Amino acid sequence: MSFKTLDDLPADIAGKRVLVRVDLNVPMADGVVTDRTRIRRVVPTISELSNKGAKVILLAHFGRPKGKVVPEMSLRPVAQAVEEELDHRVDFAADCIGEAAKKEIDEMADGDVVLLENTRFHPGEEKNDPELAKSIAENGDIYVNDAFSAAHRAHATTEGLARLLPAFAGRTMQAELEALEKGLGAPQKPVVAIVGGAKVSTKIDLLQNLVKKVDALVIGGGMANTFLAAKGVDVAKSLCEHDLADTANAIMTEAVSAGCTIVLPIDAVVAREFKAGADNETVDIDAVPADTMILDVGPATVAKVNGWIDQAATLVWNGPLGAFEIAPFDASTVSAARFAAEQTTAGELVSVAGGGDTVAALNHAGVADAFTYVSTAGGAFLEWMEGKELPGVAALAA
């Protein structure tokens, strides 16, 4: 899909009112932002527009106020964090439409930045209400979407506005879309996908899409137990969705038809209790003791996974291989992540990863910065991997 970026903006945008949809849905504690990752990612777009003399008007949501004004979900405290990361004054308007917004915007000088109040304080935001979109559009000349993480929602500020004003992708959105294109859109082959996590039920669409697009699909985490059980392996007390055996078998059959190799654990680290430092042992996958649970894949499986990564030109990763939050059950995820990072750094691999647990796992392994691209987009990243059209992206089509 082709889309316009900031490179396609008119040469002179000084004085133009640019409505920029950003993701400022950041974690807060006692009125203070505790993780500024999402703020830092939109700084390049804001700075570029401001430096060119545009009047930069930030649109964002925070939490789930469900169309009502909830003081605890105001973006006002976030404005200070944006100001500090941007190293530029950021004013705040107490609403995203009406007199409060208009007054603040009318007083802007070229290069100024203003953050408007939580768009989800209006019920029309999540309903993609044309009237709300029109009211917001009245305060802008140009629309820029830099919030890929909200692009899977057809909301007034993610889809509606793009239909009313000249629309462009911001730098973060551009980087995300280009990385995803390299991951699954038009990737270098062979392509290997690693999908982990607790339950198959949450990732059926994802698995069904991937087996048609990748050369090898590594399944880890609790999900792998469901596939193993479907093949007749006794997974003892392990987390397992036994009722999804038919689904797992159907996916494995589809993989054979598509020429995709499904890679399942051949050994496992098992324990009798799920806690840090629990007594554990490594066993062959067909010899899991009846009173234990699988909490990580074993070293033979890691070697097999790394072998596939070594063959790959492209790696797409969503979900850990084991219960990485607790040592020693983080070993396989850390090992595979570090190997993928080494291959990426050596120029041998394009590595694209995303999803909350995945980002946390790569940070835990100390290699997030070494991957080609790590998406913080959560649901949008997952829906992209599932092959679904993202309304906020489709609206930017050139």
Protein backbone atom coordinates (compact mmCIF):
# COMPACT_ATOMS: atom_id res chain seq x y z
CA MET A 1 0.00 0.00 0.00
CA SER A 2 1.28 3.44 -0.88
CA PHE A 3 0.73 6.31 1.52
CA LYS A 4 1.86 9.90 1.85
CA THR A 5 4.47 10.82 4.46
CA LEU A 6 5.84 14.10 5.79
CA ASP A 7 8.09 14.13 2.72
CA ASP A 8 4.95 14.75 0.64
CA LEU A 9 3.84 17.82 2.61
CA PRO A 10 3.79 21.18 0.82
CA ALA A 11 7.20 22.87 0.85
CA ASP A 12 5.97 25.69 3.06
CA ILE A 13 3.75 24.64 5.95
CA ALA A 14 4.61 27.58 8.20
CA GLY A 15 1.42 28.79 9.84
CA LYS A 16 -0.55 25.70 8.82
CA ARG A 17 -2.60 24.06 11.57
CA VAL A 18 -1.54 20.42 11.62
CA LEU A 19 -3.70 17.98 13.59
CA VAL A 20 -1.40 15.14 14.68
CA ARG A 21 -2.91 11.95 16.08
CA VAL A 22 -0.42 10.51 18.56
CA ASP A 23 -0.41 7.70 21.11
CA LEU A 24 -0.05 9.16 24.58
CA ASN A 25 -1.83 6.30 26.34
CA VAL A 26 1.11 5.91 28.71
CA PRO A 27 1.34 4.27 32.14
CA MET A 28 0.82 6.68 35.04
CA ALA A 29 1.29 6.47 38.79
CA ASP A 30 0.33 9.29 41.17
CA GLY A 31 -0.07 11.70 38.27
CA VAL A 32 3.39 10.97 36.86
CA VAL A 33 4.21 9.17 33.60
CA THR A 34 6.21 6.06 34.49
CA ASP A 35 7.20 4.97 30.97
CA ARG A 36 7.80 7.56 28.25
CA THR A 37 8.52 5.17 25.38
CA ARG A 38 5.43 6.14 23.40
CA ILE A 39 6.08 9.84 23.96
CA ARG A 40 9.66 9.54 22.70
CA ARG A 41 8.47 7.77 19.57
CA VAL A 42 6.33 10.72 18.43
CA VAL A 43 8.93 13.41 19.20
CA PRO A 44 10.53 13.25 15.69
CA THR A 45 7.22 14.02 13.96
CA ILE A 46 6.27 16.82 16.35
CA SER A 47 9.73 18.40 16.18
CA GLU A 48 9.90 18.23 12.38
CA LEU A 49 6.54 19.95 11.98
CA SER A 50 7.26 22.54 14.64
CA ASN A 51 10.69 23.34 13.19
CA LYS A 52 9.04 24.01 9.83
CA GLY A 53 6.76 26.57 11.45
CA ALA A 54 3.57 24.53 11.57
CA LYS A 55 1.12 24.96 14.41
CA VAL A 56 1.18 21.46 15.88
CA ILE A 57 -2.08 20.32 17.49
CA LEU A 58 -1.85 16.97 19.25
CA LEU A 59 -4.82 14.61 19.44
CA ALA A 60 -4.74 11.60 21.73
CA HIS A 61 -6.80 9.36 23.97
CA PHE A 62 -6.02 8.17 27.48
CA GLY A 63 -7.62 5.16 29.12
CA ARG A 64 -11.24 4.15 28.57
CA PRO A 65 -13.54 6.91 29.81
CA LYS A 66 -16.33 5.54 27.56
CA GLY A 67 -17.45 8.91 26.24
CA LYS A 68 -17.58 10.68 29.59
CA VAL A 69 -15.32 13.25 31.24
CA VAL A 70 -13.27 11.35 33.81
CA PRO A 71 -10.83 13.73 35.58
CA GLU A 72 -8.43 10.89 36.37
CA MET A 73 -8.08 10.26 32.62
CA SER A 74 -7.21 13.81 31.68
CA LEU A 75 -4.18 14.28 29.44
CA ARG A 76 -3.15 17.41 31.33
CA PRO A 77 -0.43 15.61 33.39
CA VAL A 78 0.91 14.03 30.19
CA ALA A 79 1.49 17.47 28.63
CA GLN A 80 4.39 18.10 31.00
CA ALA A 81 6.11 14.84 30.04
CA VAL A 82 5.66 15.66 26.34
CA GLU A 83 7.11 19.11 26.95
CA GLU A 84 10.17 17.64 28.68
CA GLU A 85 10.82 15.03 25.98
CA LEU A 86 10.25 17.56 23.22
CA ASP A 87 12.29 20.27 24.95
CA HIS A 88 9.67 22.70 23.71
CA ARG A 89 6.74 24.38 25.43
CA VAL A 90 3.48 22.41 25.14
CA ASP A 91 0.23 24.19 25.93
CA PHE A 92 -2.95 22.37 26.90
CA ALA A 93 -6.58 22.82 25.88
CA ALA A 94 -9.34 21.55 28.17
CA ASP A 95 -11.30 20.05 25.26
CA CYS A 96 -10.60 18.76 21.75
CA ILE A 97 -13.50 20.76 20.23
CA GLY A 98 -15.49 23.88 21.01
CA GLU A 99 -14.36 27.19 22.46
CA ALA A 100 -11.66 25.72 24.72
CA ALA A 101 -9.86 24.18 21.74
CA LYS A 102 -10.50 27.08 19.35
CA LYS A 103 -9.23 29.71 21.79
CA GLU A 104 -5.97 27.82 22.44
CA ILE A 105 -5.41 27.18 18.72
CA ASP A 106 -6.23 30.75 17.68
CA GLU A 107 -3.54 32.01 20.05
CA MET A 108 -0.82 29.74 18.62
CA ALA A 109 2.22 31.23 16.93
CA ASP A 110 4.09 29.40 14.17
CA GLY A 111 5.97 26.43 15.62
CA ASP A 112 3.84 26.24 18.76
CA VAL A 113 2.59 22.92 20.12
CA VAL A 114 -0.69 22.35 21.93
CA LEU A 115 -2.14 19.13 23.35
CA LEU A 116 -5.93 18.82 23.26
CA GLU A 117 -7.86 17.00 25.98
CA ASN A 118 -8.66 13.27 25.79
CA THR A 119 -10.63 12.64 22.59
CA ARG A 120 -12.44 9.73 24.24
CA PHE A 121 -14.21 12.14 26.59
CA HIS A 122 -16.61 12.40 23.63
CA PRO A 123 -18.79 9.36 22.82
CA GLY A 124 -18.44 10.18 19.12
CA GLU A 125 -14.72 9.33 19.12
CA GLU A 126 -15.06 5.56 19.36
CA LYS A 127 -18.24 5.64 17.25
CA ASN A 128 -16.35 7.44 14.47
CA ASP A 129 -19.08 10.08 14.53
CA PRO A 130 -18.83 12.27 11.40
CA GLU A 131 -20.00 15.33 13.33
CA LEU A 132 -17.25 15.00 15.91
CA ALA A 133 -14.66 14.47 13.17
CA LYS A 134 -15.98 17.56 11.40
CA SER A 135 -15.79 19.63 14.61
CA ILE A 136 -12.18 18.60 15.15
CA ALA A 137 -11.29 19.16 11.48
CA GLU A 138 -12.48 22.77 11.69
CA ASN A 139 -9.36 23.52 13.73
CA GLY A 140 -6.92 22.04 11.23
CA ASP A 141 -5.59 22.37 7.69
CA ILE A 142 -3.64 19.10 7.52
CA TYR A 143 -3.99 15.73 9.27
CA VAL A 144 -1.03 13.55 10.29
CA ASN A 145 -1.48 10.14 11.88
CA ASP A 146 1.49 9.02 13.97
CA ALA A 147 -0.40 6.52 16.12
CA PHE A 148 -0.11 3.08 14.52
CA SER A 149 -1.12 1.56 17.86
CA ALA A 150 -4.61 3.04 17.41
CA ALA A 151 -4.80 2.35 13.66
CA HIS A 152 -6.83 -0.85 14.08
CA ARG A 153 -9.74 1.25 15.35
CA ALA A 154 -12.03 3.19 13.02
CA HIS A 155 -12.41 6.18 15.33
CA ALA A 156 -13.09 9.83 14.58
CA THR A 157 -9.44 10.82 15.08
CA THR A 158 -7.90 7.76 13.42
CA GLU A 159 -10.14 7.28 10.39
CA GLY A 160 -12.76 10.03 10.20
CA LEU A 161 -10.32 12.96 10.12
CA ALA A 162 -8.27 11.35 7.36
CA ARG A 163 -11.33 11.58 5.11
CA LEU A 164 -11.79 15.30 5.74
CA LEU A 165 -8.29 16.77 5.46
CA PRO A 166 -5.13 16.09 3.42
CA ALA A 167 -3.76 13.05 5.27
CA PHE A 168 -0.17 11.95 5.86
CA ALA A 169 1.69 9.34 7.90
CA GLY A 170 3.99 10.65 10.63
CA ARG A 171 7.53 9.37 11.03
CA THR A 172 6.64 6.70 13.60
CA MET A 173 3.71 5.46 11.52
CA GLN A 174 5.96 5.46 8.45
CA ALA A 175 8.69 3.48 10.22
CA GLU A 176 6.15 0.97 11.53
CA LEU A 177 4.52 0.41 8.14
CA GLU A 178 7.87 0.07 6.37
CA ALA A 179 9.09 -2.42 8.99
CA LEU A 180 5.90 -4.45 8.74
CA GLU A 181 6.19 -4.53 4.97
CA LYS A 182 9.66 -6.02 5.40
CA GLY A 183 8.28 -8.49 7.95
CA LEU A 184 5.34 -10.02 6.10
CA GLY A 185 4.23 -7.76 3.25
CA ALA A 186 7.17 -8.31 0.91
CA PRO A 187 9.79 -10.06 3.04
CA GLN A 188 13.11 -11.58 2.10
CA LYS A 189 12.81 -15.35 2.29
CA PRO A 190 13.08 -17.67 4.12
CA VAL A 191 10.67 -16.18 6.69
CA VAL A 192 10.46 -17.64 10.19
CA ALA A 193 7.79 -16.64 12.70
CA ILE A 194 7.96 -17.25 16.44
CA VAL A 195 4.59 -17.19 18.18
CA GLY A 196 4.31 -17.81 21.90
CA GLY A 197 2.03 -16.93 24.76
CA ALA A 198 -0.44 -18.71 26.96
CA LYS A 199 -3.41 -19.59 24.78
CA VAL A 200 -4.10 -20.72 21.24
CA SER A 201 -7.64 -19.35 21.55
CA THR A 202 -6.36 -15.75 21.45
CA LYS A 203 -4.21 -16.33 18.37
CA ILE A 204 -6.17 -18.62 16.05
CA ASP A 205 -6.50 -15.96 13.33
CA LEU A 206 -2.82 -15.18 13.65
CA LEU A 207 -1.70 -18.78 13.27
CA GLN A 208 -4.03 -19.41 10.35
CA ASN A 209 -2.62 -16.37 8.53
CA LEU A 210 1.03 -17.12 9.28
CA VAL A 211 1.08 -20.71 8.02
CA LYS A 212 0.20 -19.33 4.59
CA LYS A 213 2.96 -16.73 4.64
CA VAL A 214 6.03 -18.10 6.41
CA ASP A 215 8.43 -20.94 5.77
CA ALA A 216 8.60 -22.06 9.40
CA LEU A 217 6.36 -21.32 12.38
CA VAL A 218 7.86 -21.83 15.82
CA ILE A 219 5.18 -22.28 18.48
CA GLY A 220 6.17 -21.80 22.13
CA GLY A 221 4.72 -20.96 25.51
CA GLY A 222 1.52 -22.52 26.76
CA MET A 223 0.26 -22.54 23.16
CA ALA A 224 2.74 -25.25 22.27
CA ASN A 225 1.21 -27.57 24.88
CA THR A 226 -2.14 -27.48 23.06
CA PHE A 227 -0.43 -28.53 19.82
CA LEU A 228 1.59 -31.21 21.56
CA ALA A 229 -1.52 -32.61 23.24
CA ALA A 230 -3.31 -32.64 19.87
CA LYS A 231 -0.46 -34.84 18.60
CA GLY A 232 -0.96 -37.23 21.50
CA VAL A 233 1.78 -35.98 23.83
CA ASP A 234 0.96 -36.13 27.55
CA VAL A 235 1.62 -32.60 28.84
CA ALA A 236 0.67 -33.58 32.42
CA LYS A 237 -0.39 -30.54 34.52
CA SER A 238 0.77 -27.97 31.98
CA LEU A 239 -1.41 -25.11 30.81
CA CYS A 240 -3.27 -26.57 27.84
CA GLU A 241 -6.50 -25.96 25.93
CA HIS A 242 -7.45 -29.59 25.31
CA ASP A 243 -10.76 -28.52 23.75
CA LEU A 244 -8.84 -26.90 20.89
CA ALA A 245 -7.20 -30.11 19.69
CA ASP A 246 -9.24 -30.10 16.47
CA THR A 247 -8.25 -26.46 15.82
CA ALA A 248 -4.58 -27.25 16.39
CA ASN A 249 -4.75 -30.25 14.08
CA ALA A 250 -6.48 -28.18 11.39
CA ILE A 251 -3.72 -25.56 11.58
CA MET A 252 -1.05 -28.25 11.31
CA THR A 253 -2.81 -29.76 8.29
CA GLU A 254 -3.07 -26.34 6.66
CA ALA A 255 0.63 -25.80 7.29
CA VAL A 256 1.50 -28.99 5.42
CA SER A 257 -0.61 -27.84 2.46
CA ALA A 258 1.07 -24.43 2.49
CA GLY A 259 4.60 -25.83 2.75
CA CYS A 260 5.14 -24.33 6.21
CA THR A 261 7.13 -26.28 8.80
CA ILE A 262 5.63 -26.11 12.29
CA VAL A 263 8.35 -26.27 14.94
CA LEU A 264 7.23 -27.63 18.32
CA PRO A 265 9.27 -28.34 21.48
CA ILE A 266 11.29 -31.55 21.56
CA ASP A 267 12.32 -31.13 25.20
CA ALA A 268 11.02 -29.11 28.12
CA VAL A 269 11.92 -27.63 31.48
CA VAL A 270 9.36 -28.87 33.99
CA ALA A 271 8.62 -28.09 37.63
CA ARG A 272 6.07 -29.02 40.25
CA GLU A 273 5.34 -25.42 41.20
CA PHE A 274 5.35 -22.11 39.37
CA LYS A 275 7.63 -19.82 41.33
CA ALA A 276 11.04 -18.22 40.99
CA GLY A 277 13.88 -20.66 41.54
CA ALA A 278 11.57 -23.67 41.73
CA ASP A 279 13.21 -27.08 41.53
CA ASN A 280 13.13 -28.13 37.90
CA GLU A 281 14.44 -30.65 35.43
CA THR A 282 14.81 -30.96 31.68
CA VAL A 283 13.04 -33.89 30.04
CA ASP A 284 12.24 -35.12 26.55
CA ILE A 285 8.85 -33.84 25.46
CA ASP A 286 7.34 -37.34 25.52
CA ALA A 287 8.55 -37.96 29.08
CA VAL A 288 6.92 -35.19 31.11
CA PRO A 289 6.34 -36.49 34.67
CA ALA A 290 2.65 -36.68 35.57
CA ASP A 291 2.94 -34.35 38.56
CA THR A 292 4.81 -31.54 36.72
CA MET A 293 4.05 -28.69 34.36
CA ILE A 294 6.01 -27.43 31.36
CA LEU A 295 7.30 -23.92 32.07
CA ASP A 296 9.94 -23.51 29.36
CA VAL A 297 11.32 -25.30 26.34
CA GLY A 298 14.60 -27.10 26.81
CA PRO A 299 18.09 -26.57 25.32
CA ALA A 300 17.57 -29.02 22.45
CA THR A 301 14.49 -27.03 21.37
CA VAL A 302 16.40 -23.76 21.69
CA ALA A 303 19.13 -25.16 19.43
CA LYS A 304 16.45 -26.16 16.92
CA VAL A 305 14.83 -22.70 17.07
CA ASN A 306 18.18 -20.97 16.68
CA GLY A 307 18.89 -23.22 13.72
CA TRP A 308 15.77 -21.91 12.01
CA ILE A 309 16.68 -18.32 12.88
CA ASP A 310 20.13 -18.96 11.40
CA GLN A 311 18.54 -20.05 8.10
CA ALA A 312 16.07 -17.16 8.02
CA ALA A 313 16.38 -13.89 6.15
CA THR A 314 13.35 -12.49 7.99
CA LEU A 315 12.08 -13.16 11.51
CA VAL A 316 8.69 -12.08 12.88
CA TRP A 317 8.25 -12.58 16.63
CA ASN A 318 5.16 -12.37 18.84
CA GLY A 319 5.20 -13.99 22.27
CA PRO A 320 7.78 -15.69 24.53
CA LEU A 321 8.87 -19.32 24.35
CA GLY A 322 8.38 -19.92 28.07
CA ALA A 323 7.32 -18.30 31.34
CA PHE A 324 10.03 -15.67 30.89
CA GLU A 325 8.84 -13.50 33.78
CA ILE A 326 10.29 -15.93 36.30
CA ALA A 327 13.83 -17.34 36.39
CA PRO A 328 14.98 -19.90 35.43
CA PHE A 329 12.07 -20.25 32.96
CA ASP A 330 13.31 -17.28 30.94
CA ALA A 331 16.34 -19.14 29.59
CA SER A 332 14.99 -20.19 26.18
CA THR A 333 13.42 -16.83 25.34
CA VAL A 334 16.60 -14.99 26.33
CA SER A 335 18.81 -17.37 24.34
CA ALA A 336 16.74 -17.17 21.14
CA ALA A 337 16.32 -13.40 21.45
CA ARG A 338 20.05 -12.86 21.85
CA PHE A 339 20.83 -15.12 18.89
CA ALA A 340 18.31 -13.24 16.72
CA ALA A 341 19.88 -9.96 17.84
CA GLU A 342 23.35 -11.20 16.89
CA GLN A 343 22.12 -12.22 13.44
CA THR A 344 20.43 -8.85 13.00
CA THR A 345 23.51 -6.92 14.08
CA ALA A 346 25.61 -8.98 11.66
CA GLY A 347 23.31 -7.96 8.81
CA GLU A 348 22.09 -11.51 8.30
CA LEU A 349 18.51 -11.01 9.48
CA VAL A 350 15.60 -8.58 9.34
CA SER A 351 13.88 -8.98 12.71
CA VAL A 352 10.47 -7.50 13.49
CA ALA A 353 8.85 -8.07 16.87
CA GLY A 354 5.81 -6.78 18.69
CA GLY A 355 3.23 -7.32 21.39
CA GLY A 356 3.38 -6.39 25.07
CA ASP A 357 4.94 -9.61 26.38
CA THR A 358 7.35 -9.72 23.45
CA VAL A 359 8.64 -6.21 24.09
CA ALA A 360 9.03 -7.03 27.78
CA ALA A 361 10.87 -10.26 26.94
CA LEU A 362 13.28 -8.56 24.52
CA ASN A 363 13.95 -5.82 27.08
CA HIS A 364 14.54 -8.53 29.69
CA ALA A 365 17.07 -10.13 27.34
CA GLY A 366 18.67 -6.72 26.77
CA VAL A 367 18.32 -6.89 22.99
CA ALA A 368 15.28 -4.81 22.03
CA ASP A 369 17.48 -2.10 20.52
CA ALA A 370 19.30 -4.68 18.37
CA PHE A 371 16.19 -5.85 16.51
CA THR A 372 15.36 -4.23 13.17
CA TYR A 373 12.07 -2.98 14.57
CA VAL A 374 10.16 -3.52 17.80
CA SER A 375 6.53 -2.47 17.73
CA THR A 376 4.85 -1.17 20.88
CA ALA A 377 1.48 -1.16 19.11
CA GLY A 378 -0.07 -4.18 20.83
CA GLY A 379 -3.48 -4.89 19.29
CA ALA A 380 -2.69 -3.15 16.00
CA PHE A 381 0.49 -5.21 15.56
CA LEU A 382 -1.43 -8.42 16.26
CA GLU A 383 -4.22 -7.55 13.81
CA TRP A 384 -1.63 -6.73 11.16
CA MET A 385 -0.04 -10.15 11.73
CA GLU A 386 -3.50 -11.67 11.37
CA GLY A 387 -3.72 -10.15 7.90
CA LYS A 388 -6.56 -7.77 8.75
CA GLU A 389 -6.99 -4.33 7.21
CA LEU A 390 -6.32 -1.53 9.69
CA PRO A 391 -8.84 1.31 9.16
CA GLY A 392 -6.43 4.03 10.31
CA VAL A 393 -3.83 2.83 7.81
CA ALA A 394 -6.28 2.27 4.95
CA ALA A 395 -7.47 5.87 5.37
CA LEU A 396 -3.94 7.09 4.59
CA ALA A 397 -3.78 5.31 1.23
CA ALA A 398 -2.43 7.67 -1.42
